[in-house]
N, C-alpha and C. Protein backbone atom coordinates (compact mmCIF):
# COMPACT_ATOMS: atom_id res chain seq x y z
N MET A 1 -11.93 -6.28 6.48
CA MET A 1 -11.93 -6.11 5.03
C MET A 1 -10.62 -5.45 4.60
N SER A 2 -9.97 -6.01 3.64
CA SER A 2 -8.72 -5.48 3.12
C SER A 2 -8.96 -4.13 2.46
N GLY A 3 -8.06 -3.19 2.70
CA GLY A 3 -8.17 -1.88 2.09
C GLY A 3 -8.85 -0.85 2.96
N MET A 4 -9.37 -1.24 4.10
CA MET A 4 -10.08 -0.32 4.97
C MET A 4 -9.08 0.61 5.65
N VAL A 5 -9.39 1.92 5.66
CA VAL A 5 -8.57 2.88 6.40
C VAL A 5 -8.89 2.69 7.87
N ILE A 6 -7.85 2.47 8.69
CA ILE A 6 -8.08 2.05 10.07
C ILE A 6 -7.50 2.97 11.13
N HIS A 7 -7.00 4.12 10.77
CA HIS A 7 -6.34 4.98 11.76
C HIS A 7 -6.38 6.40 11.24
N GLU A 8 -6.35 7.35 12.15
CA GLU A 8 -6.41 8.75 11.72
C GLU A 8 -5.21 9.18 10.89
N ARG A 9 -4.15 8.39 10.89
CA ARG A 9 -2.97 8.71 10.08
C ARG A 9 -3.07 8.15 8.68
N GLY A 10 -4.18 7.51 8.34
CA GLY A 10 -4.34 6.96 7.00
C GLY A 10 -3.86 5.54 6.85
N ASP A 11 -3.68 4.82 7.97
CA ASP A 11 -3.28 3.42 7.89
C ASP A 11 -4.33 2.63 7.10
N VAL A 12 -3.86 1.68 6.34
CA VAL A 12 -4.74 0.82 5.55
C VAL A 12 -4.42 -0.62 5.92
N LEU A 13 -5.46 -1.43 6.02
CA LEU A 13 -5.29 -2.84 6.32
C LEU A 13 -5.06 -3.61 5.02
N LEU A 14 -4.02 -4.41 5.01
CA LEU A 14 -3.70 -5.28 3.88
C LEU A 14 -3.76 -6.72 4.38
N ILE A 15 -4.55 -7.54 3.71
CA ILE A 15 -4.62 -8.96 4.07
C ILE A 15 -3.99 -9.77 2.95
N LEU A 16 -2.95 -10.50 3.30
CA LEU A 16 -2.24 -11.36 2.36
C LEU A 16 -2.31 -12.78 2.91
N GLY A 17 -3.29 -13.53 2.47
CA GLY A 17 -3.51 -14.86 3.01
C GLY A 17 -3.91 -14.75 4.46
N GLU A 18 -3.13 -15.37 5.36
CA GLU A 18 -3.41 -15.31 6.79
C GLU A 18 -2.76 -14.10 7.46
N ARG A 19 -1.96 -13.38 6.72
CA ARG A 19 -1.22 -12.26 7.29
C ARG A 19 -2.01 -10.96 7.16
N ARG A 20 -2.12 -10.23 8.28
CA ARG A 20 -2.77 -8.93 8.31
C ARG A 20 -1.68 -7.88 8.56
N VAL A 21 -1.59 -6.91 7.67
CA VAL A 21 -0.53 -5.92 7.73
C VAL A 21 -1.15 -4.52 7.76
N HIS A 22 -0.60 -3.67 8.61
CA HIS A 22 -1.00 -2.27 8.60
C HIS A 22 -0.01 -1.53 7.71
N LEU A 23 -0.54 -0.76 6.80
CA LEU A 23 0.27 0.08 5.93
C LEU A 23 0.09 1.52 6.39
N ARG A 24 1.19 2.23 6.61
CA ARG A 24 1.10 3.63 7.05
C ARG A 24 1.90 4.52 6.10
N PRO A 25 1.23 5.47 5.46
CA PRO A 25 1.91 6.36 4.52
C PRO A 25 2.60 7.54 5.22
N THR A 26 3.77 7.29 5.79
CA THR A 26 4.54 8.34 6.45
C THR A 26 5.27 9.18 5.40
N PHE A 27 5.75 10.34 5.81
CA PHE A 27 6.54 11.16 4.90
C PHE A 27 7.75 10.39 4.39
N ALA A 28 8.45 9.72 5.29
CA ALA A 28 9.64 8.96 4.89
C ALA A 28 9.29 7.88 3.87
N ALA A 29 8.17 7.20 4.09
CA ALA A 29 7.75 6.15 3.16
C ALA A 29 7.42 6.75 1.79
N LEU A 30 6.68 7.83 1.79
CA LEU A 30 6.28 8.44 0.51
C LEU A 30 7.48 9.00 -0.23
N ALA A 31 8.41 9.60 0.48
CA ALA A 31 9.63 10.11 -0.16
C ALA A 31 10.45 8.97 -0.75
N ALA A 32 10.53 7.85 -0.04
CA ALA A 32 11.28 6.69 -0.55
C ALA A 32 10.61 6.12 -1.80
N ILE A 33 9.29 6.10 -1.82
CA ILE A 33 8.56 5.62 -3.00
C ILE A 33 8.86 6.51 -4.19
N GLU A 34 8.80 7.82 -3.99
CA GLU A 34 9.08 8.75 -5.09
C GLU A 34 10.52 8.61 -5.57
N GLN A 35 11.45 8.42 -4.66
CA GLN A 35 12.85 8.28 -5.05
C GLN A 35 13.07 6.99 -5.83
N ALA A 36 12.39 5.91 -5.43
CA ALA A 36 12.59 4.61 -6.07
C ALA A 36 11.84 4.48 -7.38
N ARG A 37 10.70 5.16 -7.52
CA ARG A 37 9.84 4.88 -8.68
C ARG A 37 9.47 6.13 -9.47
N ALA A 38 8.63 6.97 -8.88
CA ALA A 38 8.09 8.13 -9.61
C ALA A 38 7.33 9.00 -8.63
N PRO A 39 6.98 10.22 -9.05
CA PRO A 39 6.13 11.04 -8.18
C PRO A 39 4.83 10.31 -7.84
N LEU A 40 4.33 10.53 -6.65
CA LEU A 40 3.11 9.87 -6.21
C LEU A 40 1.95 10.10 -7.18
N MET A 41 1.87 11.30 -7.73
CA MET A 41 0.76 11.58 -8.65
C MET A 41 0.83 10.71 -9.90
N THR A 42 2.01 10.30 -10.30
CA THR A 42 2.15 9.38 -11.43
C THR A 42 1.52 8.03 -11.08
N LEU A 43 1.79 7.53 -9.88
CA LEU A 43 1.20 6.27 -9.44
C LEU A 43 -0.32 6.39 -9.34
N VAL A 44 -0.79 7.51 -8.81
CA VAL A 44 -2.24 7.73 -8.70
C VAL A 44 -2.87 7.77 -10.09
N HIS A 45 -2.25 8.49 -11.00
CA HIS A 45 -2.77 8.60 -12.37
C HIS A 45 -2.82 7.22 -13.04
N GLU A 46 -1.76 6.45 -12.92
CA GLU A 46 -1.74 5.12 -13.53
C GLU A 46 -2.81 4.21 -12.92
N ALA A 47 -2.97 4.27 -11.61
CA ALA A 47 -3.99 3.45 -10.94
C ALA A 47 -5.39 3.88 -11.37
N SER A 48 -5.60 5.19 -11.52
CA SER A 48 -6.93 5.67 -11.90
C SER A 48 -7.29 5.29 -13.33
N GLU A 49 -6.28 5.05 -14.15
CA GLU A 49 -6.50 4.61 -15.53
C GLU A 49 -6.54 3.10 -15.66
N GLY A 50 -6.54 2.40 -14.51
CA GLY A 50 -6.58 0.94 -14.55
C GLY A 50 -5.26 0.30 -14.91
N ARG A 51 -4.15 1.01 -14.65
CA ARG A 51 -2.83 0.50 -15.00
C ARG A 51 -1.90 0.32 -13.80
N PRO A 52 -2.44 -0.10 -12.63
CA PRO A 52 -1.51 -0.36 -11.53
C PRO A 52 -0.70 -1.62 -11.84
N THR A 53 0.54 -1.64 -11.41
CA THR A 53 1.37 -2.81 -11.67
C THR A 53 1.66 -3.55 -10.36
N LEU A 54 1.92 -4.82 -10.50
CA LEU A 54 2.29 -5.64 -9.35
C LEU A 54 3.54 -5.09 -8.68
N SER A 55 4.51 -4.68 -9.49
CA SER A 55 5.75 -4.15 -8.91
C SER A 55 5.51 -2.85 -8.16
N ASP A 56 4.61 -1.99 -8.66
CA ASP A 56 4.29 -0.76 -7.94
C ASP A 56 3.59 -1.06 -6.62
N MET A 57 2.65 -2.00 -6.63
CA MET A 57 1.97 -2.37 -5.39
C MET A 57 2.98 -2.88 -4.37
N ALA A 58 3.87 -3.77 -4.79
CA ALA A 58 4.87 -4.34 -3.88
C ALA A 58 5.78 -3.24 -3.33
N LEU A 59 6.19 -2.31 -4.17
CA LEU A 59 7.06 -1.22 -3.75
C LEU A 59 6.36 -0.33 -2.72
N VAL A 60 5.14 0.06 -3.01
CA VAL A 60 4.39 0.93 -2.09
C VAL A 60 4.12 0.21 -0.78
N PHE A 61 3.70 -1.05 -0.85
CA PHE A 61 3.45 -1.82 0.37
C PHE A 61 4.74 -1.95 1.20
N HIS A 62 5.85 -2.20 0.52
CA HIS A 62 7.13 -2.34 1.22
C HIS A 62 7.46 -1.09 2.05
N HIS A 63 7.35 0.06 1.44
CA HIS A 63 7.74 1.29 2.12
C HIS A 63 6.73 1.72 3.18
N CYS A 64 5.46 1.34 3.02
CA CYS A 64 4.42 1.73 3.99
C CYS A 64 4.16 0.66 5.04
N TRP A 65 4.81 -0.48 4.95
CA TRP A 65 4.63 -1.62 5.86
C TRP A 65 4.95 -1.19 7.28
N LEU A 66 3.98 -1.21 8.17
CA LEU A 66 4.17 -0.81 9.57
C LEU A 66 4.66 -2.02 10.35
N LEU A 67 5.84 -1.90 10.93
CA LEU A 67 6.48 -3.02 11.61
C LEU A 67 6.06 -3.10 13.07
N ASP A 68 5.83 -4.32 13.52
CA ASP A 68 5.67 -4.58 14.94
C ASP A 68 7.07 -4.69 15.54
N LYS A 69 7.16 -4.48 16.83
CA LYS A 69 8.46 -4.54 17.50
C LYS A 69 9.14 -5.88 17.22
N GLY A 70 10.38 -5.82 16.76
CA GLY A 70 11.15 -7.03 16.49
C GLY A 70 10.96 -7.59 15.10
N ASP A 71 10.00 -7.09 14.34
CA ASP A 71 9.77 -7.59 12.98
C ASP A 71 10.71 -6.92 12.00
N GLU A 72 10.92 -7.60 10.88
CA GLU A 72 11.69 -7.04 9.78
C GLU A 72 10.77 -6.85 8.59
N ARG A 73 11.00 -5.79 7.84
CA ARG A 73 10.20 -5.52 6.64
C ARG A 73 10.59 -6.51 5.55
N PRO A 74 9.61 -7.19 4.97
CA PRO A 74 9.93 -8.12 3.87
C PRO A 74 10.50 -7.37 2.66
N ALA A 75 11.32 -8.05 1.91
CA ALA A 75 11.84 -7.47 0.67
C ALA A 75 10.71 -7.25 -0.32
N ILE A 76 10.91 -6.33 -1.23
CA ILE A 76 9.88 -6.01 -2.24
C ILE A 76 9.49 -7.27 -3.01
N GLU A 77 10.46 -8.08 -3.39
CA GLU A 77 10.18 -9.30 -4.14
C GLU A 77 9.33 -10.27 -3.33
N ALA A 78 9.62 -10.38 -2.03
CA ALA A 78 8.84 -11.26 -1.15
C ALA A 78 7.39 -10.77 -1.04
N ILE A 79 7.22 -9.46 -0.95
CA ILE A 79 5.87 -8.90 -0.91
C ILE A 79 5.14 -9.19 -2.21
N GLY A 80 5.84 -9.07 -3.34
CA GLY A 80 5.24 -9.40 -4.63
C GLY A 80 4.78 -10.85 -4.68
N GLU A 81 5.58 -11.75 -4.15
CA GLU A 81 5.19 -13.16 -4.10
C GLU A 81 3.98 -13.38 -3.20
N MET A 82 3.91 -12.64 -2.08
CA MET A 82 2.74 -12.74 -1.20
C MET A 82 1.48 -12.25 -1.91
N ILE A 83 1.61 -11.18 -2.70
CA ILE A 83 0.48 -10.65 -3.45
C ILE A 83 -0.02 -11.68 -4.45
N VAL A 84 0.91 -12.28 -5.18
CA VAL A 84 0.53 -13.30 -6.18
C VAL A 84 -0.14 -14.48 -5.50
N ALA A 85 0.42 -14.93 -4.38
CA ALA A 85 -0.15 -16.08 -3.67
C ALA A 85 -1.55 -15.78 -3.13
N ALA A 86 -1.79 -14.54 -2.71
CA ALA A 86 -3.09 -14.16 -2.14
C ALA A 86 -4.13 -13.88 -3.22
N GLY A 87 -3.69 -13.67 -4.46
CA GLY A 87 -4.59 -13.22 -5.51
C GLY A 87 -4.56 -11.70 -5.54
N LEU A 88 -4.81 -11.12 -6.68
CA LEU A 88 -4.62 -9.69 -6.85
C LEU A 88 -5.76 -8.81 -6.31
N MET A 89 -6.96 -9.34 -6.14
CA MET A 89 -8.11 -8.50 -5.82
C MET A 89 -7.96 -7.75 -4.49
N ALA A 90 -7.73 -8.45 -3.39
CA ALA A 90 -7.63 -7.78 -2.08
C ALA A 90 -6.44 -6.82 -2.02
N PRO A 91 -5.24 -7.22 -2.48
CA PRO A 91 -4.13 -6.27 -2.47
C PRO A 91 -4.40 -5.04 -3.35
N LEU A 92 -5.07 -5.23 -4.47
CA LEU A 92 -5.40 -4.10 -5.33
C LEU A 92 -6.33 -3.13 -4.61
N HIS A 93 -7.30 -3.67 -3.88
CA HIS A 93 -8.22 -2.83 -3.11
C HIS A 93 -7.43 -2.03 -2.06
N SER A 94 -6.49 -2.69 -1.38
CA SER A 94 -5.66 -2.00 -0.38
C SER A 94 -4.78 -0.94 -1.03
N TYR A 95 -4.25 -1.22 -2.19
CA TYR A 95 -3.39 -0.26 -2.91
C TYR A 95 -4.19 0.99 -3.25
N ARG A 96 -5.37 0.80 -3.79
CA ARG A 96 -6.21 1.95 -4.14
C ARG A 96 -6.63 2.73 -2.90
N ALA A 97 -6.96 2.02 -1.81
CA ALA A 97 -7.34 2.69 -0.57
C ALA A 97 -6.16 3.48 0.00
N LEU A 98 -4.97 2.94 -0.11
CA LEU A 98 -3.79 3.64 0.38
C LEU A 98 -3.53 4.90 -0.43
N LEU A 99 -3.64 4.80 -1.76
CA LEU A 99 -3.46 5.99 -2.60
C LEU A 99 -4.53 7.03 -2.29
N ALA A 100 -5.76 6.60 -2.07
CA ALA A 100 -6.84 7.53 -1.72
C ALA A 100 -6.56 8.19 -0.37
N ALA A 101 -6.06 7.42 0.59
CA ALA A 101 -5.73 7.97 1.90
C ALA A 101 -4.61 9.00 1.80
N ILE A 102 -3.63 8.73 0.93
CA ILE A 102 -2.53 9.66 0.72
C ILE A 102 -3.06 10.97 0.14
N LEU A 103 -3.96 10.87 -0.83
CA LEU A 103 -4.50 12.07 -1.47
C LEU A 103 -5.49 12.83 -0.60
N GLY A 104 -6.35 12.09 0.10
CA GLY A 104 -7.44 12.74 0.79
C GLY A 104 -7.39 12.73 2.28
N GLY A 105 -6.32 12.22 2.86
CA GLY A 105 -6.26 12.13 4.31
C GLY A 105 -7.03 10.94 4.83
N HIS A 106 -7.23 10.91 6.11
CA HIS A 106 -7.80 9.72 6.76
C HIS A 106 -9.27 9.50 6.48
N ASP A 107 -10.00 10.45 5.92
CA ASP A 107 -11.41 10.27 5.64
C ASP A 107 -11.67 9.75 4.23
N ALA A 108 -10.61 9.32 3.52
CA ALA A 108 -10.73 8.92 2.12
C ALA A 108 -11.67 7.74 1.91
N ASP A 109 -11.83 6.88 2.92
CA ASP A 109 -12.69 5.71 2.74
C ASP A 109 -14.16 6.01 2.96
N LYS A 110 -14.49 7.23 3.32
CA LYS A 110 -15.88 7.58 3.59
C LYS A 110 -16.60 8.10 2.35
N GLY A 111 -15.85 8.19 1.23
CA GLY A 111 -16.36 8.50 -0.08
C GLY A 111 -17.27 9.61 -0.16
């Protein structure tokens, strides 16, 4: 299931069509997100008000994308295209799960 927290570090599973991606919210990833866009709490606030954007999802996924050996991280625009192709529901679920994991640690999916 897309959006499930799958690791004690807060990894979230993202399914984009046939592609399964692990997202990991490392310090470096979160700092890069804040530098590129806004404080994390701004993104959380916007998502909680039902105002997440496609560009924010692509940006967050880009920086949290956990690479397998030899893989390259897709560009933000390419991730946005993958989101559109997959439909917004599953990626949105993963985005919210990732934000919850960032705020609450690895037990965020246990509600």
